[in-house]
């Protein structure tokens, strides 16, 4: 990971990809908080679904 990314520079990502990255990060953060900061393998499909919903909201602007 480049230092630019760590410092908040989108590292050459388009504005849409920055929004998608942020939506994924928000949902992962929320899921980790709900699951006591531990993701079990059995939880991955549900987490993937929730991330997909966040990305869908980002793309549709809902």
Protein backbone atom coordinates (compact mmCIF):
# COMPACT_ATOMS: atom_id res chain seq x y z
CA UNK A 1 0.00 0.00 0.00
CA UNK A 2 1.41 3.35 -0.94
CA UNK A 3 1.89 6.18 1.53
CA UNK A 4 -0.48 8.29 -0.58
CA UNK A 5 -3.34 5.89 0.19
CA UNK A 6 -2.60 5.91 3.92
CA UNK A 7 -2.56 9.72 3.91
CA UNK A 8 -6.03 9.88 2.36
CA UNK A 9 -5.01 10.44 -1.27
CA UNK A 10 -7.30 8.22 -3.35
CA UNK A 11 -4.19 6.81 -5.03
CA UNK A 12 -5.43 7.45 -8.53
CA UNK A 13 -8.92 5.99 -8.02
CA UNK A 14 -11.83 7.53 -9.87
CA UNK A 15 -14.44 9.33 -7.74
CA UNK A 16 -16.81 6.36 -8.20
CA UNK A 17 -14.18 3.87 -7.03
CA UNK A 18 -13.44 6.06 -4.01
CA UNK A 19 -17.16 5.98 -3.11
CA UNK A 20 -17.27 2.19 -3.54
CA UNK A 21 -14.10 1.73 -1.45
CA UNK A 22 -15.60 3.91 1.29
CA UNK A 23 -18.92 2.02 1.21
CA UNK A 24 -17.10 -1.31 1.56
CA UNK A 25 -14.99 0.04 4.42
CA UNK A 26 -18.06 1.39 6.24
CA UNK A 27 -19.90 -1.92 5.96
CA UNK A 28 -16.89 -3.98 7.04
CA UNK A 29 -16.46 -1.69 10.04
CA UNK A 30 -20.13 -2.09 10.93
CA UNK A 31 -20.00 -5.88 10.54
CA UNK A 32 -16.90 -6.14 12.70
CA UNK A 33 -18.58 -4.06 15.40
CA UNK A 34 -21.68 -6.31 15.27
CA UNK A 35 -19.56 -9.46 15.49
CA UNK A 36 -17.22 -8.46 18.32
CA UNK A 37 -14.42 -7.73 15.82
CA UNK A 38 -14.31 -11.32 14.61
CA UNK A 39 -15.63 -12.61 11.30
CA UNK A 40 -16.36 -16.32 11.19
CA UNK A 41 -16.14 -18.14 7.87
CA UNK A 42 -19.84 -18.97 8.06
CA UNK A 43 -20.62 -15.22 8.24
CA UNK A 44 -18.83 -14.33 4.99
CA UNK A 45 -21.88 -14.80 2.68
CA UNK A 46 -24.04 -12.51 4.82
CA UNK A 47 -21.27 -9.92 5.04
CA UNK A 48 -20.76 -10.09 1.27
CA UNK A 49 -24.49 -9.53 0.80
CA UNK A 50 -24.46 -6.50 3.08
CA UNK A 51 -21.44 -5.06 1.28
CA UNK A 52 -23.21 -5.60 -2.04
CA UNK A 53 -26.21 -3.67 -0.72
CA UNK A 54 -23.93 -0.79 0.31
CA UNK A 55 -22.30 -0.73 -3.12
CA UNK A 56 -25.74 -0.81 -4.75
CA UNK A 57 -26.82 2.20 -2.67
CA UNK A 58 -23.63 3.99 -3.68
CA UNK A 59 -24.24 3.31 -7.37
CA UNK A 60 -27.91 4.24 -7.33
CA UNK A 61 -27.57 7.17 -4.95
CA UNK A 62 -30.29 5.89 -2.62
